[in-house]
Amino acid sequence: MGEQQGTLEGLVVTPLFWKGRRVFVTGHTGFKGSWLCLWLKSLGADVTGYALQPATSPSLFESAIVSEGMHSIIADIRDEQQLKDALEKSQPEIVIHMAAQALVRYSYRHPVETYAVNVMGTVNLLEAVCQCDSVKSVLVVTSDKCYENQEREAGYREEEPMGGFDPYSNSKGCAELVVSAYRQSFFENGKHVGIATARAGNVIGGGDWSDDRLIPDMVRAFTAGESVVIRNPGAIRPWQHVLEALHGYLLLLERMCEKPEQYSRAWNFGPEDSDARDVAWVVEQFVATWGDAVWKVEADNENLHEAHLLKLDCSRARAELAWQPVLKLEQAIAWIADWYRNQHDGADMTELSLQQLSDYQSQVIS
């Protein structure tokens, strides 16, 4: 038994660490934020969420009744004073910043909003942290698209230059620079707080209803008995189930609370290279799993630039956090199709979501 525990140490999330711990999550009504809050609540954490109302209906936040058993504050990350007040009132030990404008194509139509939310929202959050003495660790979630993309085959490493062609990607690169500046200016000298950033691959999972995203677009079309229109079938992305990335975030925060000086930096969380697949492959796999569905390719009349090839080098997380993806992409797609089918059939989505979370943790241990 002792040998097995030694093998698992550092690989699995520690319930004892999270039980009763005060955690402040921005963006808790979003897709990733909702899954994260379900996980934190299942670990016994005292969770406070701060976000706008869910951007879509339906949403995972409503379908899985995420607000139950946590403190949910509906407010804007751009409201600096309200954010400071909320942080001061909740007195968190850990802050996870996920509030964002997260859509590439939306950012072309609303660039000012995208920069205001993604850049100044991050500034507001870090300013609030500076004034809240209870905070010990902060994780700012950005994006794999924060890198200066050269359309190369090799994965990007954490030290490589920030960039971003479109307003969304560029704003995430800017957010990374903001975190770096605050870390060096206000936290390394005097205030003993760990601050890290996390850059995940293309996260997919049940409960995402965002516009202009592949899985939600397919589900909307298939449940309506329509064919789905695909814009860029050859584009290659680092696809991964949302729980893979969240697992990495939680492991990182556990380590950062123990050794903030060692873990306060940028981290990539992406899939194995074999799961960096093109859009057409993902569509075919989802169609085969869903059954009785069709798709077609149409030219992108808006002609908006999106990265064609994007991969992450995640060797740092593997070596220093003992983190690694456990779901193959085929399995992740099967879980996702099952989630949406059950949601469409009126199942208890809180129960199903928690079951998938439990199944995922069992896979990590095995």
Protein backbone atom coordinates (compact mmCIF):
# COMPACT_ATOMS: atom_id res chain seq x y z
CA MET A 1 0.00 0.00 0.00
CA GLY A 2 2.81 2.40 0.88
CA GLU A 3 4.44 1.77 -2.49
CA GLN A 4 1.21 2.58 -4.33
CA GLN A 5 0.74 5.84 -2.41
CA GLY A 6 4.29 6.84 -3.26
CA THR A 7 3.55 6.25 -6.93
CA LEU A 8 0.37 8.32 -6.82
CA GLU A 9 1.81 11.18 -4.78
CA GLY A 10 1.77 14.33 -6.86
CA LEU A 11 -0.42 12.75 -9.54
CA VAL A 12 -3.86 12.98 -7.95
CA VAL A 13 -5.69 15.96 -6.49
CA THR A 14 -5.57 15.89 -2.67
CA PRO A 15 -9.05 16.14 -1.08
CA LEU A 16 -7.58 16.96 2.33
CA PHE A 17 -5.81 20.00 0.87
CA TRP A 18 -9.03 21.43 -0.57
CA LYS A 19 -11.49 20.54 2.21
CA GLY A 20 -12.72 23.78 3.78
CA ARG A 21 -10.23 25.90 1.83
CA ARG A 22 -11.60 29.25 0.67
CA VAL A 23 -11.37 29.54 -3.13
CA PHE A 24 -12.41 32.54 -5.25
CA VAL A 25 -13.20 31.71 -8.90
CA THR A 26 -13.83 34.39 -11.51
CA GLY A 27 -15.80 33.24 -14.54
CA HIS A 28 -17.61 30.56 -12.55
CA THR A 29 -20.71 30.73 -14.78
CA GLY A 30 -18.72 29.82 -17.91
CA PHE A 31 -18.05 26.38 -19.34
CA LYS A 32 -14.64 25.77 -17.75
CA GLY A 33 -15.53 27.69 -14.60
CA SER A 34 -18.65 25.58 -14.03
CA TRP A 35 -16.73 22.31 -14.34
CA LEU A 36 -14.08 23.68 -11.98
CA CYS A 37 -16.64 24.69 -9.36
CA LEU A 38 -18.30 21.26 -9.51
CA TRP A 39 -14.90 19.69 -8.87
CA LEU A 40 -13.97 22.09 -6.04
CA LYS A 41 -17.33 21.56 -4.31
CA SER A 42 -16.92 17.80 -4.57
CA LEU A 43 -13.58 18.20 -2.75
CA GLY A 44 -15.24 20.14 0.06
CA ALA A 45 -13.82 23.57 -0.80
CA ASP A 46 -15.58 26.77 0.28
CA VAL A 47 -16.13 28.29 -3.17
CA THR A 48 -17.06 31.86 -4.09
CA GLY A 49 -17.71 32.63 -7.75
CA TYR A 50 -17.66 36.04 -9.46
CA ALA A 51 -18.96 36.38 -13.02
CA LEU A 52 -21.66 37.68 -15.32
CA GLN A 53 -24.79 35.66 -15.92
CA PRO A 54 -24.17 32.63 -18.16
CA ALA A 55 -23.56 33.82 -21.70
CA THR A 56 -25.73 31.07 -23.23
CA SER A 57 -28.95 29.27 -22.55
CA PRO A 58 -28.77 26.38 -21.96
CA SER A 59 -25.50 26.41 -20.03
CA LEU A 60 -23.59 23.98 -17.86
CA PHE A 61 -23.96 26.40 -14.95
CA GLU A 62 -27.76 26.11 -15.10
CA SER A 63 -28.05 22.51 -16.33
CA ALA A 64 -25.87 21.13 -13.52
CA ILE A 65 -27.17 23.63 -10.91
CA VAL A 66 -23.61 24.72 -10.20
CA SER A 67 -24.64 27.61 -7.92
CA GLU A 68 -25.96 25.16 -5.31
CA GLY A 69 -23.55 24.78 -2.42
CA MET A 70 -21.35 27.80 -3.26
CA HIS A 71 -21.43 31.60 -3.05
CA SER A 72 -22.33 32.99 -6.48
CA ILE A 73 -21.77 36.71 -7.17
CA ILE A 74 -23.14 37.99 -10.47
CA ALA A 75 -20.94 40.95 -11.36
CA ASP A 76 -18.54 42.31 -14.00
CA ILE A 77 -14.77 41.75 -13.84
CA ARG A 78 -14.42 45.27 -15.28
CA ASP A 79 -15.96 46.75 -12.10
CA GLU A 80 -12.78 47.26 -10.09
CA GLN A 81 -14.39 48.34 -6.82
CA GLN A 82 -17.05 45.62 -6.77
CA LEU A 83 -14.37 43.02 -7.44
CA LYS A 84 -12.20 44.35 -4.60
CA ASP A 85 -15.18 44.32 -2.24
CA ALA A 86 -16.10 40.75 -3.19
CA LEU A 87 -12.54 39.51 -2.67
CA GLU A 88 -12.23 41.29 0.68
CA LYS A 89 -15.53 39.89 1.90
CA SER A 90 -14.78 36.28 0.92
CA GLN A 91 -11.16 36.33 2.23
CA PRO A 92 -9.95 33.54 -0.09
CA GLU A 93 -6.68 31.68 0.23
CA ILE A 94 -6.68 30.73 -3.46
CA VAL A 95 -7.84 32.80 -6.44
CA ILE A 96 -8.46 31.26 -9.87
CA HIS A 97 -9.03 33.83 -12.61
CA MET A 98 -11.04 32.41 -15.52
CA ALA A 99 -13.36 35.31 -16.41
CA ALA A 100 -12.74 36.15 -20.06
CA GLN A 101 -14.06 36.96 -23.49
CA ALA A 102 -12.98 33.61 -24.90
CA LEU A 103 -14.06 33.56 -28.57
CA VAL A 104 -11.74 34.34 -31.47
CA ARG A 105 -14.38 35.33 -34.03
CA TYR A 106 -16.30 37.42 -31.47
CA SER A 107 -13.09 39.34 -30.77
CA TYR A 108 -12.95 40.58 -34.36
CA ARG A 109 -16.42 42.06 -33.96
CA HIS A 110 -15.87 43.36 -30.42
CA PRO A 111 -12.16 44.12 -29.97
CA VAL A 112 -12.59 46.86 -27.33
CA GLU A 113 -14.70 44.58 -25.13
CA THR A 114 -12.20 41.75 -25.62
CA TYR A 115 -9.24 43.83 -24.46
CA ALA A 116 -11.22 45.44 -21.64
CA VAL A 117 -12.25 42.06 -20.22
CA ASN A 118 -9.11 40.04 -20.87
CA VAL A 119 -6.47 42.66 -20.11
CA MET A 120 -8.02 45.20 -17.74
CA GLY A 121 -10.06 42.47 -16.08
CA THR A 122 -6.76 40.78 -15.21
CA VAL A 123 -5.33 44.08 -13.95
CA ASN A 124 -8.41 44.59 -11.75
CA LEU A 125 -8.11 41.09 -10.33
CA LEU A 126 -4.41 41.50 -9.46
CA GLU A 127 -5.05 44.93 -7.94
CA ALA A 128 -7.71 43.37 -5.72
CA VAL A 129 -5.30 40.58 -4.74
CA CYS A 130 -2.67 43.17 -3.77
CA GLN A 131 -5.11 44.53 -1.18
CA CYS A 132 -6.35 41.18 0.18
CA ASP A 133 -3.96 39.73 2.74
CA SER A 134 -5.69 36.34 2.91
CA VAL A 135 -4.61 35.33 -0.63
CA LYS A 136 -1.72 32.85 -0.81
CA SER A 137 -1.87 31.67 -4.43
CA VAL A 138 -3.30 33.02 -7.69
CA LEU A 139 -3.75 31.17 -10.98
CA VAL A 140 -4.55 33.22 -14.08
CA VAL A 141 -5.89 31.09 -16.93
CA THR A 142 -4.98 32.43 -20.36
CA SER A 143 -4.83 30.38 -23.58
CA ASP A 144 -2.62 28.30 -25.85
CA LYS A 145 -3.23 31.06 -28.40
CA CYS A 146 -1.16 33.56 -26.38
CA TYR A 147 2.01 32.55 -28.25
CA GLU A 148 3.41 34.25 -31.33
CA ASN A 149 2.22 31.52 -33.67
CA GLN A 150 4.66 30.59 -36.42
CA GLU A 151 2.53 27.69 -37.75
CA ARG A 152 5.33 25.24 -36.90
CA GLU A 153 5.17 21.54 -36.10
CA ALA A 154 6.99 21.70 -32.75
CA GLY A 155 5.03 22.60 -29.63
CA TYR A 156 5.47 25.99 -27.99
CA ARG A 157 7.37 26.16 -24.70
CA GLU A 158 6.45 28.49 -21.85
CA GLU A 159 9.40 30.90 -22.34
CA GLU A 160 8.63 31.62 -26.00
CA PRO A 161 7.40 35.06 -27.13
CA MET A 162 3.83 36.17 -26.62
CA GLY A 163 1.89 37.36 -29.66
CA GLY A 164 -1.49 36.68 -31.18
CA PHE A 165 -2.83 37.67 -34.60
CA ASP A 166 -6.47 38.28 -33.66
CA PRO A 167 -7.71 40.47 -30.76
CA TYR A 168 -8.60 37.47 -28.58
CA SER A 169 -5.22 35.74 -28.92
CA ASN A 170 -3.36 39.01 -28.60
CA SER A 171 -5.31 40.00 -25.49
CA LYS A 172 -4.31 36.71 -23.86
CA GLY A 173 -0.66 37.42 -24.65
CA CYS A 174 -1.15 40.84 -23.08
CA ALA A 175 -2.69 39.23 -19.98
CA GLU A 176 0.41 37.05 -19.64
CA LEU A 177 2.61 40.15 -19.70
CA VAL A 178 0.39 41.84 -17.10
CA VAL A 179 0.79 38.87 -14.74
CA SER A 180 4.56 38.85 -15.24
CA ALA A 181 4.78 42.58 -14.48
CA TYR A 182 2.65 42.32 -11.33
CA ARG A 183 4.57 39.28 -10.14
CA GLN A 184 7.92 41.06 -10.44
CA SER A 185 6.73 44.49 -9.30
CA PHE A 186 4.47 43.71 -6.36
CA PHE A 187 4.76 40.10 -5.21
CA GLU A 188 8.36 38.92 -5.41
CA ASN A 189 9.55 41.62 -3.01
CA GLY A 190 7.64 41.52 0.23
CA LYS A 191 4.22 39.96 -0.40
CA HIS A 192 4.63 36.18 -0.28
CA VAL A 193 1.98 35.20 -2.83
CA GLY A 194 2.37 32.64 -5.59
CA ILE A 195 1.16 33.76 -9.03
CA ALA A 196 1.16 31.46 -12.04
CA THR A 197 -0.46 31.38 -15.47
CA ALA A 198 -1.92 28.35 -17.23
CA ARG A 199 -2.17 27.86 -20.98
CA ALA A 200 -4.39 24.96 -22.01
CA GLY A 201 -5.14 23.42 -25.37
CA ASN A 202 -8.53 23.44 -27.10
CA VAL A 203 -10.68 22.25 -24.21
CA ILE A 204 -13.87 20.38 -25.06
CA GLY A 205 -16.51 18.79 -22.88
CA GLY A 206 -20.19 18.50 -22.11
CA GLY A 207 -22.00 21.72 -21.33
CA ASP A 208 -20.30 24.12 -23.74
CA TRP A 209 -22.88 26.07 -25.74
CA SER A 210 -20.68 28.89 -27.04
CA ASP A 211 -21.11 30.21 -30.57
CA ASP A 212 -18.44 29.47 -33.18
CA ARG A 213 -17.05 26.44 -31.36
CA LEU A 214 -16.89 23.08 -33.06
CA ILE A 215 -18.61 20.75 -30.58
CA PRO A 216 -21.49 23.12 -29.67
CA ASP A 217 -22.04 23.89 -33.36
CA MET A 218 -22.33 20.16 -34.10
CA VAL A 219 -24.69 19.49 -31.19
CA ARG A 220 -27.00 22.36 -32.14
CA ALA A 221 -27.17 21.16 -35.74
CA PHE A 222 -27.57 17.45 -34.97
CA THR A 223 -30.30 17.91 -32.35
CA ALA A 224 -32.18 20.07 -34.86
CA GLY A 225 -31.81 17.40 -37.56
CA GLU A 226 -29.56 19.64 -39.66
CA SER A 227 -26.10 19.22 -41.15
CA VAL A 228 -23.29 21.17 -39.51
CA VAL A 229 -21.22 23.62 -41.54
CA ILE A 230 -17.44 23.36 -41.05
CA ARG A 231 -15.20 26.31 -41.98
CA ASN A 232 -11.63 25.07 -41.56
CA PRO A 233 -11.53 21.25 -41.76
CA GLY A 234 -7.74 21.14 -42.08
CA ALA A 235 -6.91 23.27 -39.03
CA ILE A 236 -4.96 21.30 -36.39
CA ARG A 237 -5.63 21.95 -32.69
CA PRO A 238 -4.45 20.43 -29.37
CA TRP A 239 -7.84 18.99 -28.37
CA GLN A 240 -8.34 17.82 -24.77
CA HIS A 241 -11.21 17.15 -22.38
CA VAL A 242 -11.82 20.06 -20.02
CA LEU A 243 -11.13 17.89 -16.96
CA GLU A 244 -7.55 17.28 -18.15
CA ALA A 245 -6.73 20.99 -17.97
CA LEU A 246 -8.57 21.51 -14.67
CA HIS A 247 -6.67 18.59 -13.16
CA GLY A 248 -3.44 20.37 -14.04
CA TYR A 249 -4.65 23.65 -12.52
CA LEU A 250 -5.54 21.99 -9.21
CA LEU A 251 -2.23 20.12 -8.99
CA LEU A 252 -0.34 23.34 -9.72
CA LEU A 253 -2.19 25.27 -7.02
CA GLU A 254 -1.47 22.60 -4.43
CA ARG A 255 2.25 22.83 -5.18
CA MET A 256 2.25 26.61 -5.40
CA CYS A 257 0.71 26.97 -1.95
CA GLU A 258 3.63 24.93 -0.58
CA LYS A 259 6.43 26.51 -2.64
CA PRO A 260 5.28 29.75 -4.31
CA GLU A 261 8.79 30.76 -5.37
CA GLN A 262 9.24 27.49 -7.29
CA TYR A 263 5.90 27.26 -9.08
CA SER A 264 5.10 30.93 -9.80
CA ARG A 265 5.55 30.95 -13.56
CA ALA A 266 3.81 29.92 -16.78
CA TRP A 267 2.58 26.35 -17.41
CA ASN A 268 1.30 24.55 -20.49
CA PHE A 269 -1.38 21.86 -20.19
CA GLY A 270 -2.05 20.13 -23.48
CA PRO A 271 -2.70 16.67 -24.94
CA GLU A 272 -0.31 14.10 -26.31
CA ASP A 273 0.94 14.99 -29.80
CA SER A 274 -1.18 12.17 -31.20
CA ASP A 275 -4.31 14.04 -30.08
CA ALA A 276 -3.40 17.21 -31.96
CA ARG A 277 -5.87 16.44 -34.74
CA ASP A 278 -7.41 18.38 -37.58
CA VAL A 279 -10.99 19.59 -37.39
CA ALA A 280 -12.23 17.07 -39.99
CA TRP A 281 -10.97 14.15 -37.88
CA VAL A 282 -12.79 15.43 -34.78
CA VAL A 283 -15.99 15.94 -36.78
CA GLU A 284 -15.84 12.43 -38.24
CA GLN A 285 -15.24 10.95 -34.79
CA PHE A 286 -18.10 12.88 -33.23
CA VAL A 287 -20.46 12.00 -36.09
CA ALA A 288 -19.57 8.31 -35.74
CA THR A 289 -20.22 8.45 -31.99
CA TRP A 290 -23.41 10.48 -32.28
CA GLY A 291 -24.88 8.55 -35.20
CA ASP A 292 -27.32 9.74 -37.88
CA ALA A 293 -25.58 13.07 -38.52
CA VAL A 294 -24.01 14.79 -41.52
CA TRP A 295 -21.63 17.67 -42.12
CA LYS A 296 -20.46 19.85 -44.99
CA VAL A 297 -17.65 22.30 -45.68
CA GLU A 298 -18.34 25.90 -46.66
CA ALA A 299 -15.91 28.71 -47.39
CA ASP A 300 -15.39 31.26 -44.62
CA ASN A 301 -16.91 34.34 -46.26
CA GLU A 302 -15.72 36.59 -43.43
CA ASN A 303 -12.14 35.54 -44.22
CA LEU A 304 -11.05 35.99 -40.60
CA HIS A 305 -7.57 34.76 -39.73
CA GLU A 306 -7.34 31.78 -37.37
CA ALA A 307 -4.26 29.68 -36.60
CA HIS A 308 -3.92 26.62 -38.82
CA LEU A 309 -1.42 24.65 -36.72
CA LEU A 310 -0.99 24.95 -32.95
CA LYS A 311 0.68 22.59 -30.47
CA LEU A 312 1.97 22.90 -26.90
CA ASP A 313 5.11 21.49 -25.30
CA CYS A 314 3.94 20.30 -21.87
CA SER A 315 7.19 18.74 -20.64
CA ARG A 316 7.38 21.17 -17.70
CA ALA A 317 4.03 20.05 -16.27
CA ARG A 318 4.90 16.40 -16.82
CA ALA A 319 8.30 16.68 -15.15
CA GLU A 320 7.50 19.02 -12.26
CA LEU A 321 3.82 18.34 -11.49
CA ALA A 322 3.60 14.67 -12.50
CA TRP A 323 0.65 15.78 -14.62
CA GLN A 324 -0.24 13.97 -17.82
CA PRO A 325 -3.40 13.55 -19.90
CA VAL A 326 -5.28 10.31 -19.22
CA LEU A 327 -8.15 10.39 -21.74
CA LYS A 328 -7.50 9.61 -25.38
CA LEU A 329 -9.35 11.94 -27.70
CA GLU A 330 -11.69 9.17 -28.89
CA GLN A 331 -12.76 8.53 -25.28
CA ALA A 332 -13.18 12.23 -24.56
CA ILE A 333 -15.46 12.61 -27.59
CA ALA A 334 -17.54 9.62 -26.47
CA TRP A 335 -18.01 11.19 -23.01
CA ILE A 336 -19.00 14.50 -24.57
CA ALA A 337 -21.56 12.95 -26.93
CA ASP A 338 -23.02 11.02 -23.98
CA TRP A 339 -23.30 14.23 -21.93
CA TYR A 340 -25.19 16.10 -24.66
CA ARG A 341 -27.49 13.16 -25.46
CA ASN A 342 -28.47 12.91 -21.81
CA GLN A 343 -28.99 16.65 -21.53
CA HIS A 344 -31.23 16.57 -24.60
CA ASP A 345 -33.22 13.68 -23.06
CA GLY A 346 -33.83 15.56 -19.81
CA ALA A 347 -31.45 13.63 -17.52
CA ASP A 348 -30.17 14.89 -14.18
CA MET A 349 -27.09 16.76 -15.42
CA THR A 350 -25.68 17.42 -11.96
CA GLU A 351 -25.56 13.68 -11.35
CA LEU A 352 -24.15 12.89 -14.79
CA SER A 353 -21.50 15.63 -14.60
CA LEU A 354 -20.37 14.45 -11.17
CA GLN A 355 -20.28 10.87 -12.47
CA GLN A 356 -18.01 11.89 -15.34
CA LEU A 357 -15.82 13.75 -12.85
CA SER A 358 -15.63 10.63 -10.67
CA ASP A 359 -14.87 8.44 -13.69
CA TYR A 360 -12.08 10.82 -14.71
CA GLN A 361 -10.47 10.69 -11.27
CA SER A 362 -10.64 6.89 -11.36
CA GLN A 363 -8.81 6.98 -14.70
CA VAL A 364 -6.07 9.16 -13.17
CA ILE A 365 -5.51 6.64 -10.36
CA SER A 366 -5.54 3.64 -12.69
